[in-house]
């Protein structure tokens, strides 16, 4: 038999969650997760437009398509880990650091994508890409240390 009291309580909890009352603690990291997803979709569309334009599905003999694809892939490889770190930091009470690391990570990923797509070379020959990669890794390591200690 259906327990009406249990049903009403779970419905009440669902309404609280839906209205955002239970998400208040994670609003900061949710914001950065949303921005990173928008960046990922923008890079994916950039890649898809080039695929359509060249009728080339895999980037064979097309450096531009390969660069666009790698810019998307690099973001998608790093962003989930950073989102997890941001959530854990916010849950642990480091709200200010969530903003510092979230902004730094987003700026680093923008620099990396720009350097990868628009510039040539590696390392010191491609400053935006180098700064973006080193910035992303540094921020991820620092955020990891905040979570550990």
Protein backbone atom coordinates (compact mmCIF):
# COMPACT_ATOMS: atom_id res chain seq x y z
CA UNK A 1 0.00 0.00 0.00
CA UNK A 2 1.24 3.50 -0.81
CA UNK A 3 2.28 5.45 2.25
CA UNK A 4 0.80 8.92 1.66
CA UNK A 5 2.99 10.61 4.29
CA UNK A 6 6.19 9.33 2.65
CA UNK A 7 4.91 10.41 -0.76
CA UNK A 8 4.06 13.91 0.50
CA UNK A 9 7.49 14.27 2.17
CA UNK A 10 9.38 13.22 -0.97
CA UNK A 11 7.23 15.57 -3.06
CA UNK A 12 8.01 18.39 -0.64
CA UNK A 13 11.74 17.62 -0.88
CA UNK A 14 11.52 17.58 -4.66
CA UNK A 15 9.82 20.99 -4.67
CA UNK A 16 12.54 22.41 -2.40
CA UNK A 17 15.25 21.06 -4.68
CA UNK A 18 13.47 22.27 -7.80
CA UNK A 19 13.10 25.77 -6.38
CA UNK A 20 16.82 25.84 -5.69
CA UNK A 21 16.70 25.77 -1.91
CA UNK A 22 19.05 22.80 -1.74
CA UNK A 23 21.33 24.11 -4.49
CA UNK A 24 22.21 27.34 -2.68
CA UNK A 25 25.46 25.83 -1.46
CA UNK A 26 26.67 25.04 -4.99
CA UNK A 27 25.59 28.13 -6.94
CA UNK A 28 29.16 29.30 -7.55
CA UNK A 29 30.48 26.06 -8.98
CA UNK A 30 27.25 25.58 -10.94
CA UNK A 31 27.88 28.95 -12.60
CA UNK A 32 31.39 27.97 -13.71
CA UNK A 33 30.16 24.57 -14.87
CA UNK A 34 27.56 26.34 -17.01
CA UNK A 35 30.14 28.70 -18.53
CA UNK A 36 32.45 25.77 -19.33
CA UNK A 37 29.62 23.86 -21.01
CA UNK A 38 28.80 26.92 -23.15
CA UNK A 39 32.48 27.12 -24.11
CA UNK A 40 32.46 23.41 -25.01
CA UNK A 41 29.37 23.80 -27.19
CA UNK A 42 30.90 26.84 -28.93
CA UNK A 43 34.10 24.91 -29.68
CA UNK A 44 32.07 21.89 -30.83
CA UNK A 45 30.05 24.07 -33.20
CA UNK A 46 33.27 25.64 -34.48
CA UNK A 47 34.52 22.13 -35.29
CA UNK A 48 31.21 21.04 -36.82
CA UNK A 49 31.07 24.09 -39.10
CA UNK A 50 34.54 23.28 -40.42
CA UNK A 51 33.58 19.61 -40.96
CA UNK A 52 30.52 20.73 -42.95
CA UNK A 53 32.51 23.31 -44.89
CA UNK A 54 35.22 20.83 -45.92
CA UNK A 55 33.11 17.65 -45.94
CA UNK A 56 35.90 16.09 -43.91
CA UNK A 57 34.79 14.05 -40.91
CA UNK A 58 38.12 13.29 -39.25
CA UNK A 59 40.52 16.14 -39.99
CA UNK A 60 42.65 14.17 -42.43
CA UNK A 61 44.82 16.62 -44.37
CA UNK A 62 43.06 19.59 -42.76
CA UNK A 63 45.12 21.29 -40.06
CA UNK A 64 42.38 23.82 -39.30
CA UNK A 65 39.84 21.09 -38.54
CA UNK A 66 42.37 19.19 -36.48
CA UNK A 67 43.19 22.31 -34.43
CA UNK A 68 39.52 23.08 -33.82
CA UNK A 69 38.85 19.49 -32.85
CA UNK A 70 41.78 19.46 -30.41
CA UNK A 71 40.69 22.78 -28.85
CA UNK A 72 37.31 21.19 -28.10
CA UNK A 73 38.88 17.91 -26.96
CA UNK A 74 41.35 19.60 -24.64
CA UNK A 75 38.58 21.57 -22.93
CA UNK A 76 36.42 18.48 -22.54
CA UNK A 77 39.37 16.54 -21.08
CA UNK A 78 40.12 19.16 -18.42
CA UNK A 79 36.78 20.79 -17.56
CA UNK A 80 35.08 17.81 -15.83
CA UNK A 81 37.95 17.43 -13.39
CA UNK A 82 37.94 21.15 -12.62
CA UNK A 83 34.17 21.20 -12.15
CA UNK A 84 34.48 18.37 -9.63
CA UNK A 85 37.23 20.26 -7.80
CA UNK A 86 35.13 23.44 -7.73
CA UNK A 87 32.14 21.57 -6.32
CA UNK A 88 34.28 19.94 -3.63
CA UNK A 89 35.89 23.24 -2.69
CA UNK A 90 32.52 24.97 -2.46
CA UNK A 91 31.06 22.13 -0.46
CA UNK A 92 34.04 22.43 1.88
CA UNK A 93 33.41 26.13 2.41
CA UNK A 94 36.02 27.70 0.11
CA UNK A 95 33.59 29.93 -1.77
CA UNK A 96 36.12 32.69 -2.47
CA UNK A 97 38.61 30.21 -3.92
CA UNK A 98 35.88 28.81 -6.16
CA UNK A 99 35.66 32.22 -7.82
CA UNK A 100 39.43 32.69 -8.05
CA UNK A 101 40.04 29.23 -9.52
CA UNK A 102 36.88 29.30 -11.67
CA UNK A 103 37.78 32.62 -13.31
CA UNK A 104 41.43 31.62 -13.70
CA UNK A 105 40.53 28.28 -15.26
CA UNK A 106 38.08 29.83 -17.72
CA UNK A 107 40.59 32.49 -18.78
CA UNK A 108 43.28 29.82 -19.15
CA UNK A 109 41.04 27.64 -21.32
CA UNK A 110 40.11 30.63 -23.51
CA UNK A 111 43.80 31.46 -23.97
CA UNK A 112 44.61 27.84 -24.76
CA UNK A 113 41.81 27.49 -27.32
CA UNK A 114 42.76 30.77 -28.97
CA UNK A 115 46.43 29.79 -29.14
CA UNK A 116 45.64 26.35 -30.48
CA UNK A 117 43.23 27.56 -33.18
CA UNK A 118 44.71 30.91 -34.20
CA UNK A 119 48.46 30.69 -33.58
CA UNK A 120 51.24 28.45 -34.84
CA UNK A 121 53.95 26.71 -32.87
CA UNK A 122 54.48 25.22 -29.44
CA UNK A 123 55.79 26.51 -26.13
CA UNK A 124 57.38 29.96 -26.28
CA UNK A 125 56.45 30.21 -29.97
CA UNK A 126 52.77 30.14 -29.03
CA UNK A 127 52.31 32.21 -25.86
CA UNK A 128 48.49 31.99 -25.54
CA UNK A 129 48.53 28.20 -25.84
CA UNK A 130 51.43 27.85 -23.41
CA UNK A 131 49.92 30.26 -20.85
CA UNK A 132 46.54 28.55 -21.18
CA UNK A 133 47.93 25.06 -20.67
CA UNK A 134 50.25 25.96 -17.80
CA UNK A 135 47.57 28.12 -16.20
CA UNK A 136 45.00 25.34 -16.37
CA UNK A 137 47.35 22.74 -14.92
CA UNK A 138 48.54 25.08 -12.16
CA UNK A 139 45.00 25.95 -11.16
CA UNK A 140 43.98 22.29 -11.17
CA UNK A 141 46.95 21.35 -8.97
CA UNK A 142 46.25 24.20 -6.53
CA UNK A 143 42.55 23.32 -6.40
CA UNK A 144 43.51 19.68 -5.74
CA UNK A 145 45.73 20.75 -2.87
CA UNK A 146 42.89 22.84 -1.41
CA UNK A 147 40.66 19.76 -1.54
CA UNK A 148 43.31 17.52 0.02
CA UNK A 149 44.32 19.83 2.84
